Every structure is written in structure tokens, then in C-alpha cells.
Amino acid sequence: MSVPILGIRRHWTCPNCTVEDVTTEVKPHSRFHRCKGLHGLTAPMVQSGTKAKVYVREREDYIAEDKVQLHGSRPVMSVVTERNDGQDVVVFAPTATAGGAMK
């Protein structure tokens, strides 16, 4: 039998835009959103009161024909969340494509 724990509310904010949210999930979790401050990229939110910086790291390698996420017109490698106790990274891998002759 599981017993619900009442009163657990986490308040989330984004340091790059005005989005705020509240969750009541008991298990460890995080919140993501499409951030207007980061040109619509999927970015994490941080718990209210947490001093953090969320920023984009551009790809530094050759893109060629890869299908990649863009920040404006620049290719994105990841979104980094830096806090006093460490950092988290969301990596945007290129989309795989395939081609060939139909028989």
C-alpha cells in the first residue's frame, strides 16, 4: 500500500524567460520547457531560489548535412545548467538520416 505524502510542492523558474511552474511529484524529477529566451530550445527549469545559469553551447565541429538543433541560426551542441554544486547538460545529438535507391 502506498501512502501519499501531502504538501510537497516544488516551484520551478527559468533564468532566461518568465516561465514558472509548480509540481507535486514526490520522486526526484526536473522540469523542461520550450524556452523563449533560448529561441525555443528545450531547456531545464531550476527550483525557485536556486542560483543557476542556463546557457547554450554551440557546436564546434563540422556540420555537413547533419540535421541539428539551432539557436537562432547557429548550430547547438547542448544546454548547460550551472549551479554552485555542479552542472547538468542536455545534449542535442544530430538526427540520423538514411538514403538509398529503391528497387
PDB file of N, CA and C in Angstrom:
ATOM      1  N   MET A   1       0.839  -1.170   0.000  1.00  0.00           N
ATOM      2  CA  MET A   1       0.000   0.000   0.000  1.00  0.00           C
ATOM      3  C   MET A   1       0.888   1.239   0.000  1.00  0.00           C
ATOM      4  N   SER A   2       0.612   2.153  -0.887  1.00  0.00           N
ATOM      5  CA  SER A   2       1.396   3.387  -0.914  1.00  0.00           C
ATOM      6  C   SER A   2       0.612   4.488  -0.219  1.00  0.00           C
ATOM      7  N   VAL A   3       1.339   5.277   0.545  1.00  0.00           N
ATOM      8  CA  VAL A   3       0.722   6.368   1.289  1.00  0.00           C
ATOM      9  C   VAL A   3       1.185   7.681   0.672  1.00  0.00           C
ATOM     10  N   PRO A   4       0.267   8.504   0.193  1.00  0.00           N
ATOM     11  CA  PRO A   4       0.691   9.781  -0.400  1.00  0.00           C
ATOM     12  C   PRO A   4       1.236  10.739   0.653  1.00  0.00           C
ATOM     13  N   ILE A   5       2.293  11.422   0.293  1.00  0.00           N
ATOM     14  CA  ILE A   5       2.853  12.450   1.162  1.00  0.00           C
ATOM     15  C   ILE A   5       2.270  13.773   0.704  1.00  0.00           C
ATOM     16  N   LEU A   6       1.565  14.431   1.573  1.00  0.00           N
ATOM     17  CA  LEU A   6       0.889  15.662   1.214  1.00  0.00           C
ATOM     18  C   LEU A   6       1.780  16.875   1.450  1.00  0.00           C
ATOM     19  N   GLY A   7       1.555  17.893   0.674  1.00  0.00           N
ATOM     20  CA  GLY A   7       2.227  19.166   0.914  1.00  0.00           C
ATOM     21  C   GLY A   7       3.561  19.359   0.227  1.00  0.00           C
ATOM     22  N   ILE A   8       4.007  18.393  -0.589  1.00  0.00           N
ATOM     23  CA  ILE A   8       5.274  18.575  -1.294  1.00  0.00           C
ATOM     24  C   ILE A   8       4.989  19.336  -2.585  1.00  0.00           C
ATOM     25  N   ARG A   9       5.434  20.559  -2.629  1.00  0.00           N
ATOM     26  CA  ARG A   9       5.260  21.406  -3.810  1.00  0.00           C
ATOM     27  C   ARG A   9       6.622  21.975  -4.173  1.00  0.00           C
ATOM     28  N   ARG A  10       7.016  21.775  -5.418  1.00  0.00           N
ATOM     29  CA  ARG A  10       8.265  22.358  -5.903  1.00  0.00           C
ATOM     30  C   ARG A  10       7.923  23.476  -6.872  1.00  0.00           C
ATOM     31  N   HIS A  11       8.513  24.616  -6.648  1.00  0.00           N
ATOM     32  CA  HIS A  11       8.316  25.772  -7.524  1.00  0.00           C
ATOM     33  C   HIS A  11       9.510  25.863  -8.461  1.00  0.00           C
ATOM     34  N   TRP A  12       9.239  25.976  -9.759  1.00  0.00           N
ATOM     35  CA  TRP A  12      10.264  25.996 -10.786  1.00  0.00           C
ATOM     36  C   TRP A  12      10.240  27.331 -11.521  1.00  0.00           C
ATOM     37  N   THR A  13      11.421  27.829 -11.901  1.00  0.00           N
ATOM     38  CA  THR A  13      11.532  29.049 -12.698  1.00  0.00           C
ATOM     39  C   THR A  13      12.598  28.844 -13.773  1.00  0.00           C
ATOM     40  N   CYS A  14      12.599  29.747 -14.738  1.00  0.00           N
ATOM     41  CA  CYS A  14      13.634  29.730 -15.772  1.00  0.00           C
ATOM     42  C   CYS A  14      14.411  31.032 -15.680  1.00  0.00           C
ATOM     43  N   PRO A  15      15.748  30.958 -15.596  1.00  0.00           N
ATOM     44  CA  PRO A  15      16.548  32.182 -15.525  1.00  0.00           C
ATOM     45  C   PRO A  15      16.605  32.961 -16.848  1.00  0.00           C
ATOM     46  N   ASN A  16      16.107  32.362 -17.957  1.00  0.00           N
ATOM     47  CA  ASN A  16      16.191  33.014 -19.268  1.00  0.00           C
ATOM     48  C   ASN A  16      14.862  33.537 -19.796  1.00  0.00           C
ATOM     49  N   CYS A  17      13.758  33.216 -19.142  1.00  0.00           N
ATOM     50  CA  CYS A  17      12.450  33.709 -19.571  1.00  0.00           C
ATOM     51  C   CYS A  17      11.536  33.824 -18.352  1.00  0.00           C
ATOM     52  N   THR A  18      10.275  34.044 -18.563  1.00  0.00           N
ATOM     53  CA  THR A  18       9.356  34.293 -17.450  1.00  0.00           C
ATOM     54  C   THR A  18       8.534  33.074 -17.045  1.00  0.00           C
ATOM     55  N   VAL A  19       8.822  31.902 -17.604  1.00  0.00           N
ATOM     56  CA  VAL A  19       8.031  30.704 -17.313  1.00  0.00           C
ATOM     57  C   VAL A  19       8.252  30.257 -15.869  1.00  0.00           C
ATOM     58  N   GLU A  20       7.146  29.927 -15.204  1.00  0.00           N
ATOM     59  CA  GLU A  20       7.169  29.369 -13.856  1.00  0.00           C
ATOM     60  C   GLU A  20       6.227  28.181 -13.814  1.00  0.00           C
ATOM     61  N   ASP A  21       6.477  27.242 -12.904  1.00  0.00           N
ATOM     62  CA  ASP A  21       5.615  26.071 -12.787  1.00  0.00           C
ATOM     63  C   ASP A  21       5.689  25.549 -11.361  1.00  0.00           C
ATOM     64  N   VAL A  22       4.727  24.725 -10.990  1.00  0.00           N
ATOM     65  CA  VAL A  22       4.690  24.072  -9.689  1.00  0.00           C
ATOM     66  C   VAL A  22       4.412  22.599  -9.927  1.00  0.00           C
ATOM     67  N   THR A  23       5.171  21.715  -9.251  1.00  0.00           N
ATOM     68  CA  THR A  23       4.915  20.280  -9.336  1.00  0.00           C
ATOM     69  C   THR A  23       4.685  19.736  -7.939  1.00  0.00           C
ATOM     70  N   THR A  24       4.025  18.587  -7.874  1.00  0.00           N
ATOM     71  CA  THR A  24       3.766  17.928  -6.587  1.00  0.00           C
ATOM     72  C   THR A  24       4.295  16.501  -6.582  1.00  0.00           C
ATOM     73  N   GLU A  25       5.139  16.153  -7.533  1.00  0.00           N
ATOM     74  CA  GLU A  25       5.732  14.816  -7.630  1.00  0.00           C
ATOM     75  C   GLU A  25       6.633  14.567  -6.428  1.00  0.00           C
ATOM     76  N   VAL A  26       6.498  13.409  -5.803  1.00  0.00           N
ATOM     77  CA  VAL A  26       7.297  13.065  -4.628  1.00  0.00           C
ATOM     78  C   VAL A  26       8.690  12.585  -5.036  1.00  0.00           C
ATOM     79  N   LYS A  27       8.770  11.813  -6.114  1.00  0.00           N
ATOM     80  CA  LYS A  27      10.050  11.257  -6.560  1.00  0.00           C
ATOM     81  C   LYS A  27      10.943  12.372  -7.127  1.00  0.00           C
ATOM     82  N   PRO A  28      12.266  12.175  -7.134  1.00  0.00           N
ATOM     83  CA  PRO A  28      13.157  13.171  -7.752  1.00  0.00           C
ATOM     84  C   PRO A  28      12.780  13.384  -9.221  1.00  0.00           C
ATOM     85  N   HIS A  29      12.763  14.613  -9.650  1.00  0.00           N
ATOM     86  CA  HIS A  29      12.390  14.938 -11.016  1.00  0.00           C
ATOM     87  C   HIS A  29      12.882  16.336 -11.366  1.00  0.00           C
ATOM     88  N   SER A  30      12.739  16.695 -12.625  1.00  0.00           N
ATOM     89  CA  SER A  30      13.060  18.048 -13.073  1.00  0.00           C
ATOM     90  C   SER A  30      12.019  18.466 -14.098  1.00  0.00           C
ATOM     91  N   ARG A  31      12.002  19.734 -14.438  1.00  0.00           N
ATOM     92  CA  ARG A  31      11.040  20.289 -15.393  1.00  0.00           C
ATOM     93  C   ARG A  31      11.785  20.850 -16.588  1.00  0.00           C
ATOM     94  N   PHE A  32      11.238  20.623 -17.770  1.00  0.00           N
ATOM     95  CA  PHE A  32      11.772  21.195 -19.001  1.00  0.00           C
ATOM     96  C   PHE A  32      10.666  21.991 -19.682  1.00  0.00           C
ATOM     97  N   HIS A  33      11.062  22.932 -20.516  1.00  0.00           N
ATOM     98  CA  HIS A  33      10.097  23.737 -21.261  1.00  0.00           C
ATOM     99  C   HIS A  33      10.751  24.261 -22.527  1.00  0.00           C
ATOM    100  N   ARG A  34       9.931  24.724 -23.452  1.00  0.00           N
ATOM    101  CA  ARG A  34      10.448  25.373 -24.665  1.00  0.00           C
ATOM    102  C   ARG A  34      10.720  26.815 -24.301  1.00  0.00           C
ATOM    103  N   CYS A  35      11.977  27.171 -24.164  1.00  0.00           N
ATOM    104  CA  CYS A  35      12.389  28.470 -23.624  1.00  0.00           C
ATOM    105  C   CYS A  35      12.423  29.553 -24.705  1.00  0.00           C
ATOM    106  N   LYS A  36      11.609  30.585 -24.521  1.00  0.00           N
ATOM    107  CA  LYS A  36      11.615  31.709 -25.462  1.00  0.00           C
ATOM    108  C   LYS A  36      12.940  32.461 -25.404  1.00  0.00           C
ATOM    109  N   GLY A  37      13.578  32.484 -24.245  1.00  0.00           N
ATOM    110  CA  GLY A  37      14.863  33.164 -24.093  1.00  0.00           C
ATOM    111  C   GLY A  37      16.004  32.455 -24.798  1.00  0.00           C
ATOM    112  N   LEU A  38      15.803  31.178 -25.133  1.00  0.00           N
ATOM    113  CA  LEU A  38      16.816  30.388 -25.852  1.00  0.00           C
ATOM    114  C   LEU A  38      16.293  29.968 -27.222  1.00  0.00           C
ATOM    115  N   HIS A  39      15.512  30.823 -27.862  1.00  0.00           N
ATOM    116  CA  HIS A  39      14.977  30.603 -29.218  1.00  0.00           C
ATOM    117  C   HIS A  39      14.164  29.319 -29.344  1.00  0.00           C
ATOM    118  N   GLY A  40      13.420  28.956 -28.306  1.00  0.00           N
ATOM    119  CA  GLY A  40      12.536  27.791 -28.382  1.00  0.00           C
ATOM    120  C   GLY A  40      13.188  26.453 -28.122  1.00  0.00           C
ATOM    121  N   LEU A  41      14.452  26.431 -27.710  1.00  0.00           N
ATOM    122  CA  LEU A  41      15.102  25.157 -27.385  1.00  0.00           C
ATOM    123  C   LEU A  41      14.484  24.565 -26.121  1.00  0.00           C
ATOM    124  N   THR A  42      14.479  23.250 -26.026  1.00  0.00           N
ATOM    125  CA  THR A  42      14.028  22.592 -24.813  1.00  0.00           C
ATOM    126  C   THR A  42      15.103  22.780 -23.752  1.00  0.00           C
ATOM    127  N   ALA A  43      14.725  23.429 -22.656  1.00  0.00           N
ATOM    128  CA  ALA A  43      15.700  23.758 -21.617  1.00  0.00           C
ATOM    129  C   ALA A  43      15.132  23.410 -20.243  1.00  0.00           C
ATOM    130  N   PRO A  44      16.008  23.079 -19.292  1.00  0.00           N
ATOM    131  CA  PRO A  44      15.538  22.767 -17.950  1.00  0.00           C
ATOM    132  C   PRO A  44      15.160  24.026 -17.169  1.00  0.00           C
ATOM    133  N   MET A  45      14.244  23.844 -16.241  1.00  0.00           N
ATOM    134  CA  MET A  45      13.928  24.893 -15.283  1.00  0.00           C
ATOM    135  C   MET A  45      14.691  24.550 -14.005  1.00  0.00           C
ATOM    136  N   VAL A  46      14.866  25.524 -13.116  1.00  0.00           N
ATOM    137  CA  VAL A  46      15.541  25.284 -11.843  1.00  0.00           C
ATOM    138  C   VAL A  46      14.556  25.569 -10.724  1.00  0.00           C
ATOM    139  N   GLN A  47      14.779  24.922  -9.571  1.00  0.00           N
ATOM    140  CA  GLN A  47      13.901  25.178  -8.444  1.00  0.00           C
ATOM    141  C   GLN A  47      14.054  26.624  -8.001  1.00  0.00           C
ATOM    142  N   SER A  48      12.930  27.250  -7.683  1.00  0.00           N
ATOM    143  CA  SER A  48      12.945  28.648  -7.248  1.00  0.00           C
ATOM    144  C   SER A  48      13.921  28.825  -6.096  1.00  0.00           C
ATOM    145  N   GLY A  49      14.663  29.907  -6.144  1.00  0.00           N
ATOM    146  CA  GLY A  49      15.642  30.197  -5.107  1.00  0.00           C
ATOM    147  C   GLY A  49      17.014  29.617  -5.379  1.00  0.00           C
ATOM    148  N   THR A  50      17.147  28.782  -6.399  1.00  0.00           N
ATOM    149  CA  THR A  50      18.439  28.197  -6.760  1.00  0.00           C
ATOM    150  C   THR A  50      19.190  29.179  -7.641  1.00  0.00           C
ATOM    151  N   LYS A  51      20.405  29.511  -7.243  1.00  0.00           N
ATOM    152  CA  LYS A  51      21.236  30.386  -8.064  1.00  0.00           C
ATOM    153  C   LYS A  51      21.835  29.534  -9.176  1.00  0.00           C
ATOM    154  N   ALA A  52      21.421  29.811 -10.408  1.00  0.00           N
ATOM    155  CA  ALA A  52      21.866  28.985 -11.541  1.00  0.00           C
ATOM    156  C   ALA A  52      21.946  29.825 -12.794  1.00  0.00           C
ATOM    157  N   LYS A  53      22.745  29.322 -13.729  1.00  0.00           N
ATOM    158  CA  LYS A  53      22.892  29.940 -15.044  1.00  0.00           C
ATOM    159  C   LYS A  53      22.607  28.846 -16.063  1.00  0.00           C
ATOM    160  N   VAL A  54      21.690  29.107 -17.001  1.00  0.00           N
ATOM    161  CA  VAL A  54      21.365  28.158 -18.065  1.00  0.00           C
ATOM    162  C   VAL A  54      21.763  28.806 -19.376  1.00  0.00           C
ATOM    163  N   TYR A  55      22.643  28.131 -20.139  1.00  0.00           N
ATOM    164  CA  TYR A  55      23.125  28.725 -21.384  1.00  0.00           C
ATOM    165  C   TYR A  55      23.345  27.662 -22.457  1.00  0.00           C
ATOM    166  N   VAL A  56      23.474  28.132 -23.699  1.00  0.00           N
ATOM    167  CA  VAL A  56      23.643  27.273 -24.868  1.00  0.00           C
ATOM    168  C   VAL A  56      25.117  27.162 -25.226  1.00  0.00           C
ATOM    169  N   ARG A  57      25.555  25.943 -25.566  1.00  0.00           N
ATOM    170  CA  ARG A  57      26.902  25.739 -26.119  1.00  0.00           C
ATOM    171  C   ARG A  57      26.750  25.397 -27.584  1.00  0.00           C
ATOM    172  N   GLU A  58      27.417  26.155 -28.419  1.00  0.00           N
ATOM    173  CA  GLU A  58      27.346  25.928 -29.863  1.00  0.00           C
ATOM    174  C   GLU A  58      28.216  24.748 -30.267  1.00  0.00           C
ATOM    175  N   ARG A  59      27.813  24.114 -31.371  1.00  0.00           N
ATOM    176  CA  ARG A  59      28.628  23.032 -31.931  1.00  0.00           C
ATOM    177  C   ARG A  59      29.902  23.627 -32.496  1.00  0.00           C
ATOM    178  N   GLU A  60      30.994  22.939 -32.260  1.00  0.00           N
ATOM    179  CA  GLU A  60      32.293  23.413 -32.738  1.00  0.00           C
ATOM    180  C   GLU A  60      32.860  22.516 -33.831  1.00  0.00           C
ATOM    181  N   ASP A  61      32.100  21.519 -34.226  1.00  0.00           N
ATOM    182  CA  ASP A  61      32.586  20.605 -35.259  1.00  0.00           C
ATOM    183  C   ASP A  61      31.897  20.901 -36.591  1.00  0.00           C
ATOM    184  N   TYR A  62      32.322  20.205 -37.623  1.00  0.00           N
ATOM    185  CA  TYR A  62      31.777  20.393 -38.965  1.00  0.00           C
ATOM    186  C   TYR A  62      30.373  19.801 -39.038  1.00  0.00           C
ATOM    187  N   ILE A  63      29.421  20.559 -39.528  1.00  0.00           N
ATOM    188  CA  ILE A  63      28.032  20.126 -39.561  1.00  0.00           C
ATOM    189  C   ILE A  63      27.717  19.274 -40.789  1.00  0.00           C
ATOM    190  N   ALA A  64      28.233  19.659 -41.944  1.00  0.00           N
ATOM    191  CA  ALA A  64      27.952  18.974 -43.226  1.00  0.00           C
ATOM    192  C   ALA A  64      26.447  18.916 -43.448  1.00  0.00           C
ATOM    193  N   GLU A  65      25.898  17.717 -43.653  1.00  0.00           N
ATOM    194  CA  GLU A  65      24.466  17.554 -43.931  1.00  0.00           C
ATOM    195  C   GLU A  65      23.679  17.119 -42.699  1.00  0.00           C
ATOM    196  N   ASP A  66      24.302  17.149 -41.509  1.00  0.00           N
ATOM    197  CA  ASP A  66      23.605  16.749 -40.286  1.00  0.00           C
ATOM    198  C   ASP A  66      22.383  17.622 -40.054  1.00  0.00           C
ATOM    199  N   LYS A  67      21.335  17.029 -39.526  1.00  0.00           N
ATOM    200  CA  LYS A  67      20.140  17.756 -39.113  1.00  0.00           C
ATOM    201  C   LYS A  67      20.328  18.075 -37.628  1.00  0.00           C
ATOM    202  N   VAL A  68      20.551  19.349 -37.304  1.00  0.00           N
ATOM    203  CA  VAL A  68      20.888  19.733 -35.930  1.00  0.00           C
ATOM    204  C   VAL A  68      19.894  20.763 -35.393  1.00  0.00           C
ATOM    205  N   GLN A  69      19.869  20.899 -34.057  1.00  0.00           N
ATOM    206  CA  GLN A  69      19.093  21.950 -33.401  1.00  0.00           C
ATOM    207  C   GLN A  69      19.771  23.284 -33.664  1.00  0.00           C
ATOM    208  N   LEU A  70      18.975  24.337 -33.761  1.00  0.00           N
ATOM    209  CA  LEU A  70      19.530  25.672 -33.989  1.00  0.00           C
ATOM    210  C   LEU A  70      19.147  26.615 -32.856  1.00  0.00           C
ATOM    211  N   HIS A  71      20.043  27.517 -32.548  1.00  0.00           N
ATOM    212  CA  HIS A  71      19.811  28.626 -31.621  1.00  0.00           C
ATOM    213  C   HIS A  71      19.888  29.872 -32.482  1.00  0.00           C
ATOM    214  N   GLY A  72      18.712  30.353 -32.916  1.00  0.00           N
ATOM    215  CA  GLY A  72      18.726  31.372 -33.951  1.00  0.00           C
ATOM    216  C   GLY A  72      19.167  30.697 -35.238  1.00  0.00           C
ATOM    217  N   SER A  73      20.289  31.114 -35.782  1.00  0.00           N
ATOM    218  CA  SER A  73      20.828  30.474 -36.990  1.00  0.00           C
ATOM    219  C   SER A  73      22.087  29.665 -36.684  1.00  0.00           C
ATOM    220  N   ARG A  74      22.457  29.530 -35.419  1.00  0.00           N
ATOM    221  CA  ARG A  74      23.693  28.839 -35.035  1.00  0.00           C
ATOM    222  C   ARG A  74      23.408  27.423 -34.546  1.00  0.00           C
ATOM    223  N   PRO A  75      24.223  26.436 -34.947  1.00  0.00           N
ATOM    224  CA  PRO A  75      24.012  25.055 -34.507  1.00  0.00           C
ATOM    225  C   PRO A  75      24.325  24.883 -33.021  1.00  0.00           C
ATOM    226  N   VAL A  76      23.519  24.084 -32.345  1.00  0.00           N
ATOM    227  CA  VAL A  76      23.636  23.895 -30.894  1.00  0.00           C
ATOM    228  C   VAL A  76      24.137  22.499 -30.568  1.00  0.00           C
ATOM    229  N   MET A  77      25.066  22.419 -29.622  1.00  0.00           N
ATOM    230  CA  MET A  77      25.550  21.139 -29.135  1.00  0.00           C
ATOM    231  C   MET A  77      24.792  20.739 -27.863  1.00  0.00           C
ATOM    232  N   SER A  78      24.585  21.716 -26.939  1.00  0.00           N
ATOM    233  CA  SER A  78      23.961  21.376 -25.662  1.00  0.00           C
ATOM    234  C   SER A  78      23.445  22.625 -24.956  1.00  0.00           C
ATOM    235  N   VAL A  79      22.637  22.380 -23.922  1.00  0.00           N
ATOM    236  CA  VAL A  79      22.209  23.415 -22.992  1.00  0.00           C
ATOM    237  C   VAL A  79      22.776  23.030 -21.635  1.00  0.00           C
ATOM    238  N   VAL A  80      23.515  23.940 -21.015  1.00  0.00           N
ATOM    239  CA  VAL A  80      24.200  23.677 -19.755  1.00  0.00           C
ATOM    240  C   VAL A  80      23.509  24.435 -18.628  1.00  0.00           C
ATOM    241  N   THR A  81      23.306  23.756 -17.492  1.00  0.00           N
ATOM    242  CA  THR A  81      22.803  24.386 -16.277  1.00  0.00           C
ATOM    243  C   THR A  81      23.925  24.347 -15.252  1.00  0.00           C
ATOM    244  N   GLU A  82      24.430  25.506 -14.870  1.00  0.00           N
ATOM    245  CA  GLU A  82      25.497  25.592 -13.864  1.00  0.00           C
ATOM    246  C   GLU A  82      24.917  26.093 -12.556  1.00  0.00           C
ATOM    247  N   ARG A  83      25.232  25.357 -11.482  1.00  0.00           N
ATOM    248  CA  ARG A  83      24.859  25.741 -10.123  1.00  0.00           C
ATOM    249  C   ARG A  83      26.108  25.712  -9.267  1.00  0.00           C
ATOM    250  N   ASN A  84      26.015  26.216  -8.046  1.00  0.00           N
ATOM    251  CA  ASN A  84      27.168  26.205  -7.143  1.00  0.00           C
ATOM    252  C   ASN A  84      27.644  24.787  -6.842  1.00  0.00           C
ATOM    253  N   ASP A  85      26.731  23.806  -6.859  1.00  0.00           N
ATOM    254  CA  ASP A  85      27.100  22.439  -6.500  1.00  0.00           C
ATOM    255  C   ASP A  85      27.343  21.529  -7.701  1.00  0.00           C
ATOM    256  N   GLY A  86      27.430  22.090  -8.899  1.00  0.00           N
ATOM    257  CA  GLY A  86      27.710  21.263 -10.071  1.00  0.00           C
ATOM    258  C   GLY A  86      26.984  21.746 -11.305  1.00  0.00           C
ATOM    259  N   GLN A  87      26.950  20.893 -12.320  1.00  0.00           N
ATOM    260  CA  GLN A  87      26.282  21.264 -13.563  1.00  0.00           C
ATOM    261  C   GLN A  87      25.587  20.055 -14.175  1.00  0.00           C
ATOM    262  N   ASP A  88      24.563  20.343 -14.976  1.00  0.00           N
ATOM    263  CA  ASP A  88      23.854  19.338 -15.756  1.00  0.00           C
ATOM    264  C   ASP A  88      23.912  19.780 -17.213  1.00  0.00           C
ATOM    265  N   VAL A  89      23.877  18.813 -18.121  1.00  0.00           N
ATOM    266  CA  VAL A  89      23.958  19.130 -19.545  1.00  0.00           C
ATOM    267  C   VAL A  89      22.892  18.342 -20.301  1.00  0.00           C
ATOM    268  N   VAL A  90      22.150  19.039 -21.163  1.00  0.00           N
ATOM    269  CA  VAL A  90      21.218  18.413 -22.097  1.00  0.00           C
ATOM    270  C   VAL A  90      21.907  18.447 -23.454  1.00  0.00           C
ATOM    271  N   VAL A  91      22.162  17.277 -24.041  1.00  0.00           N
ATOM    272  CA  VAL A  91      22.889  17.189 -25.306  1.00  0.00           C
ATOM    273  C   VAL A  91      21.901  16.993 -26.448  1.00  0.00           C
ATOM    274  N   PHE A  92      22.082  17.756 -27.527  1.00  0.00           N
ATOM    275  CA  PHE A  92      21.260  17.638 -28.723  1.00  0.00           C
ATOM    276  C   PHE A  92      22.052  16.891 -29.786  1.00  0.00           C
ATOM    277  N   ALA A  93      21.812  15.598 -29.894  1.00  0.00           N
ATOM    278  CA  ALA A  93      22.505  14.789 -30.902  1.00  0.00           C
ATOM    279  C   ALA A  93      21.896  15.060 -32.270  1.00  0.00           C
ATOM    280  N   PRO A  94      22.703  15.003 -33.332  1.00  0.00           N
ATOM    281  CA  PRO A  94      22.145  15.190 -34.679  1.00  0.00           C
ATOM    282  C   PRO A  94      21.146  14.090 -35.007  1.00  0.00           C
ATOM    283  N   THR A  95      20.188  14.404 -35.847  1.00  0.00           N
ATOM    284  CA  THR A  95      19.201  13.417 -36.277  1.00  0.00           C
ATOM    285  C   THR A  95      19.794  12.556 -37.368  1.00  0.00           C
ATOM    286  N   ALA A  96      19.637  11.251 -37.226  1.00  0.00           N
ATOM    287  CA  ALA A  96      20.154  10.321 -38.221  1.00  0.00           C
ATOM    288  C   ALA A  96      19.261  10.342 -39.461  1.00  0.00           C
ATOM    289  N   THR A  97      19.874  10.249 -40.624  1.00  0.00           N
ATOM    290  CA  THR A  97      19.145  10.144 -41.878  1.00  0.00           C
ATOM    291  C   THR A  97      19.720   8.999 -42.694  1.00  0.00           C
ATOM    292  N   ALA A  98      18.947   8.497 -43.594  1.00  0.00           N
ATOM    293  CA  ALA A  98      19.425   7.408 -44.451  1.00  0.00           C
ATOM    294  C   ALA A  98      18.922   7.646 -45.867  1.00  0.00           C
ATOM    295  N   GLY A  99      19.639   7.144 -46.792  1.00  0.00           N
ATOM    296  CA  GLY A  99      19.228   7.278 -48.182  1.00  0.00           C
ATOM    297  C   GLY A  99      19.619   6.040 -48.954  1.00  0.00           C
ATOM    298  N   GLY A 100      19.081   5.908 -50.101  1.00  0.00           N
ATOM    299  CA  GLY A 100      19.414   4.754 -50.926  1.00  0.00           C
ATOM    300  C   GLY A 100      18.448   4.632 -52.069  1.00  0.00           C
ATOM    301  N   ALA A 101      18.793   3.787 -52.981  1.00  0.00           N
ATOM    302  CA  ALA A 101      17.944   3.582 -54.161  1.00  0.00           C
ATOM    303  C   ALA A 101      16.848   2.573 -53.822  1.00  0.00           C
ATOM    304  N   MET A 102      15.657   2.838 -54.287  1.00  0.00           N
ATOM    305  CA  MET A 102      14.543   1.915 -54.113  1.00  0.00           C
ATOM    306  C   MET A 102      14.589   0.901 -55.251  1.00  0.00           C
ATOM    307  N   LYS A 103      14.343  -0.352 -54.994  1.00  0.00           N
ATOM    308  CA  LYS A 103      14.357  -1.381 -56.028  1.00  0.00           C
ATOM    309  C   LYS A 103      12.979  -1.943 -56.216  1.00  0.00           C
TER     310      LYS A 103
END
